[in-house]
């Protein structure tokens, strides 16, 4: 079930109304706390490895890197700074953009935050 459908279902179950942005943020926060995927394995980008590939391929800017991978600069920033795990689409696009790099080199799968985010 997609996020929008889950949001509508949560609103119906808990009697929430979209009256103000603060209330929506509160609803989303409660949904995240109740998320059934919590504790599930997540895939994190190894940013230092992507930086090595970027330099080796003469990519100058983050915007250029995002364009080559096929994601928005905002998504690249979020994934690079451990604000969100890499999605299947992000992983696929990155591996297509850098065909000589392996999944194991570029990504880390953990049940929690990656070591680089905690340090």
C-alpha atoms as a PDB file:
ATOM      1  CA  UNK A   1       0.000   0.000   0.000  1.00  0.00           C
ATOM      2  CA  UNK A   2       1.399   3.378  -0.985  1.00  0.00           C
ATOM      3  CA  UNK A   3       2.011   6.253   1.391  1.00  0.00           C
ATOM      4  CA  UNK A   4      -1.048   8.246   0.272  1.00  0.00           C
ATOM      5  CA  UNK A   5      -3.358   5.273   0.793  1.00  0.00           C
ATOM      6  CA  UNK A   6      -1.801   4.545   4.185  1.00  0.00           C
ATOM      7  CA  UNK A   7      -2.239   8.235   5.104  1.00  0.00           C
ATOM      8  CA  UNK A   8      -5.950   8.203   4.178  1.00  0.00           C
ATOM      9  CA  UNK A   9      -6.469   4.938   6.068  1.00  0.00           C
ATOM     10  CA  UNK A  10      -4.695   6.347   9.140  1.00  0.00           C
ATOM     11  CA  UNK A  11      -6.809   9.520   8.993  1.00  0.00           C
ATOM     12  CA  UNK A  12      -9.998   7.451   8.836  1.00  0.00           C
ATOM     13  CA  UNK A  13      -8.971   5.154  11.693  1.00  0.00           C
ATOM     14  CA  UNK A  14      -7.840   7.946  13.986  1.00  0.00           C
ATOM     15  CA  UNK A  15     -10.320  10.670  13.041  1.00  0.00           C
ATOM     16  CA  UNK A  16      -7.615  13.044  11.812  1.00  0.00           C
ATOM     17  CA  UNK A  17      -8.432  15.983   9.549  1.00  0.00           C
ATOM     18  CA  UNK A  18      -5.976  17.952   7.404  1.00  0.00           C
ATOM     19  CA  UNK A  19      -6.669  21.273   9.118  1.00  0.00           C
ATOM     20  CA  UNK A  20      -3.118  22.588   9.420  1.00  0.00           C
ATOM     21  CA  UNK A  21       0.379  21.650   8.361  1.00  0.00           C
ATOM     22  CA  UNK A  22       1.323  20.969  11.999  1.00  0.00           C
ATOM     23  CA  UNK A  23      -1.469  18.430  12.292  1.00  0.00           C
ATOM     24  CA  UNK A  24      -0.371  16.700   9.083  1.00  0.00           C
ATOM     25  CA  UNK A  25       3.206  16.557  10.371  1.00  0.00           C
ATOM     26  CA  UNK A  26       1.904  15.111  13.648  1.00  0.00           C
ATOM     27  CA  UNK A  27      -0.111  12.503  11.738  1.00  0.00           C
ATOM     28  CA  UNK A  28       2.883  11.512   9.605  1.00  0.00           C
ATOM     29  CA  UNK A  29       5.057  11.281  12.713  1.00  0.00           C
ATOM     30  CA  UNK A  30       2.523   8.982  14.394  1.00  0.00           C
ATOM     31  CA  UNK A  31       2.340   6.883  11.234  1.00  0.00           C
ATOM     32  CA  UNK A  32       6.111   6.508  11.205  1.00  0.00           C
ATOM     33  CA  UNK A  33       6.069   5.432  14.842  1.00  0.00           C
ATOM     34  CA  UNK A  34       3.482   2.773  14.002  1.00  0.00           C
ATOM     35  CA  UNK A  35       5.183   1.743  10.757  1.00  0.00           C
ATOM     36  CA  UNK A  36       5.162  -2.025  10.426  1.00  0.00           C
ATOM     37  CA  UNK A  37       8.422  -1.876   8.470  1.00  0.00           C
ATOM     38  CA  UNK A  38      10.356  -0.556  11.453  1.00  0.00           C
ATOM     39  CA  UNK A  39      13.334  -2.787  12.155  1.00  0.00           C
ATOM     40  CA  UNK A  40      13.292  -4.181   8.624  1.00  0.00           C
ATOM     41  CA  UNK A  41      16.613  -4.249   6.752  1.00  0.00           C
ATOM     42  CA  UNK A  42      17.441  -1.042   4.926  1.00  0.00           C
ATOM     43  CA  UNK A  43      19.966  -0.311   2.191  1.00  0.00           C
ATOM     44  CA  UNK A  44      22.307   2.613   2.780  1.00  0.00           C
ATOM     45  CA  UNK A  45      24.642   4.312   0.320  1.00  0.00           C
ATOM     46  CA  UNK A  46      28.367   4.152   1.057  1.00  0.00           C
ATOM     47  CA  UNK A  47      28.934   7.796   0.180  1.00  0.00           C
ATOM     48  CA  UNK A  48      32.728   7.594   0.365  1.00  0.00           C
ATOM     49  CA  UNK A  49      32.681   4.950  -2.401  1.00  0.00           C
ATOM     50  CA  UNK A  50      30.355   7.056  -4.556  1.00  0.00           C
ATOM     51  CA  UNK A  51      32.726  10.003  -4.050  1.00  0.00           C
ATOM     52  CA  UNK A  52      35.609   7.861  -5.325  1.00  0.00           C
ATOM     53  CA  UNK A  53      33.594   6.966  -8.444  1.00  0.00           C
ATOM     54  CA  UNK A  54      32.600  10.581  -8.944  1.00  0.00           C
ATOM     55  CA  UNK A  55      36.222  11.756  -8.868  1.00  0.00           C
ATOM     56  CA  UNK A  56      37.430   8.878 -11.063  1.00  0.00           C
ATOM     57  CA  UNK A  57      34.809   9.802 -13.683  1.00  0.00           C
ATOM     58  CA  UNK A  58      35.506  13.548 -13.602  1.00  0.00           C
ATOM     59  CA  UNK A  59      32.076  14.463 -12.249  1.00  0.00           C
ATOM     60  CA  UNK A  60      32.406  17.975 -10.846  1.00  0.00           C
ATOM     61  CA  UNK A  61      29.159  18.762  -9.002  1.00  0.00           C
ATOM     62  CA  UNK A  62      26.452  17.096  -6.958  1.00  0.00           C
ATOM     63  CA  UNK A  63      23.875  18.285  -9.485  1.00  0.00           C
ATOM     64  CA  UNK A  64      25.802  16.594 -12.290  1.00  0.00           C
ATOM     65  CA  UNK A  65      26.102  13.399 -10.236  1.00  0.00           C
ATOM     66  CA  UNK A  66      22.349  13.435  -9.515  1.00  0.00           C
ATOM     67  CA  UNK A  67      21.602  13.964 -13.221  1.00  0.00           C
ATOM     68  CA  UNK A  68      23.867  11.068 -14.223  1.00  0.00           C
ATOM     69  CA  UNK A  69      22.263   8.757 -11.661  1.00  0.00           C
ATOM     70  CA  UNK A  70      18.797   9.972 -12.671  1.00  0.00           C
ATOM     71  CA  UNK A  71      17.561  11.339  -9.361  1.00  0.00           C
ATOM     72  CA  UNK A  72      16.882  14.820  -8.032  1.00  0.00           C
ATOM     73  CA  UNK A  73      19.687  16.624  -6.193  1.00  0.00           C
ATOM     74  CA  UNK A  74      17.435  16.568  -3.111  1.00  0.00           C
ATOM     75  CA  UNK A  75      17.119  12.769  -3.226  1.00  0.00           C
ATOM     76  CA  UNK A  76      20.871  12.383  -3.666  1.00  0.00           C
ATOM     77  CA  UNK A  77      21.430  14.655  -0.664  1.00  0.00           C
ATOM     78  CA  UNK A  78      18.948  12.730   1.531  1.00  0.00           C
ATOM     79  CA  UNK A  79      20.404   9.335   0.645  1.00  0.00           C
ATOM     80  CA  UNK A  80      24.005  10.598   0.900  1.00  0.00           C
ATOM     81  CA  UNK A  81      23.422  12.119   4.328  1.00  0.00           C
ATOM     82  CA  UNK A  82      21.607   9.064   5.741  1.00  0.00           C
ATOM     83  CA  UNK A  83      18.286  10.909   6.002  1.00  0.00           C
ATOM     84  CA  UNK A  84      16.663   8.025   4.121  1.00  0.00           C
ATOM     85  CA  UNK A  85      17.763   4.623   2.881  1.00  0.00           C
ATOM     86  CA  UNK A  86      18.352   4.023  -0.809  1.00  0.00           C
ATOM     87  CA  UNK A  87      15.246   2.881  -2.678  1.00  0.00           C
ATOM     88  CA  UNK A  88      15.279   0.103  -5.231  1.00  0.00           C
ATOM     89  CA  UNK A  89      15.078   2.715  -7.980  1.00  0.00           C
ATOM     90  CA  UNK A  90      18.009   4.678  -6.567  1.00  0.00           C
ATOM     91  CA  UNK A  91      20.091   1.505  -6.319  1.00  0.00           C
ATOM     92  CA  UNK A  92      19.234   0.414  -9.865  1.00  0.00           C
ATOM     93  CA  UNK A  93      19.953   3.855 -11.344  1.00  0.00           C
ATOM     94  CA  UNK A  94      23.283   4.098  -9.514  1.00  0.00           C
ATOM     95  CA  UNK A  95      24.405   0.665 -10.696  1.00  0.00           C
ATOM     96  CA  UNK A  96      23.358   1.479 -14.271  1.00  0.00           C
ATOM     97  CA  UNK A  97      25.227   4.809 -14.139  1.00  0.00           C
ATOM     98  CA  UNK A  98      28.343   3.057 -12.805  1.00  0.00           C
ATOM     99  CA  UNK A  99      28.262  -0.433 -14.356  1.00  0.00           C
ATOM    100  CA  UNK A 100      31.737  -1.384 -13.133  1.00  0.00           C
ATOM    101  CA  UNK A 101      30.790  -0.800  -9.482  1.00  0.00           C
ATOM    102  CA  UNK A 102      29.169  -3.589  -7.507  1.00  0.00           C
ATOM    103  CA  UNK A 103      26.226  -3.428  -5.134  1.00  0.00           C
ATOM    104  CA  UNK A 104      28.432  -4.647  -2.279  1.00  0.00           C
ATOM    105  CA  UNK A 105      30.900  -1.805  -2.793  1.00  0.00           C
ATOM    106  CA  UNK A 106      28.340   1.001  -3.101  1.00  0.00           C
ATOM    107  CA  UNK A 107      25.704  -0.087  -0.594  1.00  0.00           C
ATOM    108  CA  UNK A 108      25.381  -1.483   2.915  1.00  0.00           C
ATOM    109  CA  UNK A 109      22.358  -3.424   4.143  1.00  0.00           C
ATOM    110  CA  UNK A 110      21.594  -3.108   7.862  1.00  0.00           C
ATOM    111  CA  UNK A 111      18.672  -3.452  10.238  1.00  0.00           C
ATOM    112  CA  UNK A 112      19.389  -0.001  11.667  1.00  0.00           C
ATOM    113  CA  UNK A 113      21.374   3.141  10.907  1.00  0.00           C
ATOM    114  CA  UNK A 114      24.668   2.500   9.086  1.00  0.00           C
ATOM    115  CA  UNK A 115      27.881   2.914  11.048  1.00  0.00           C
ATOM    116  CA  UNK A 116      28.810   6.023   9.037  1.00  0.00           C
ATOM    117  CA  UNK A 117      25.599   7.808  10.122  1.00  0.00           C
ATOM    118  CA  UNK A 118      26.181   7.127  13.798  1.00  0.00           C
ATOM    119  CA  UNK A 119      29.839   8.177  13.818  1.00  0.00           C
END
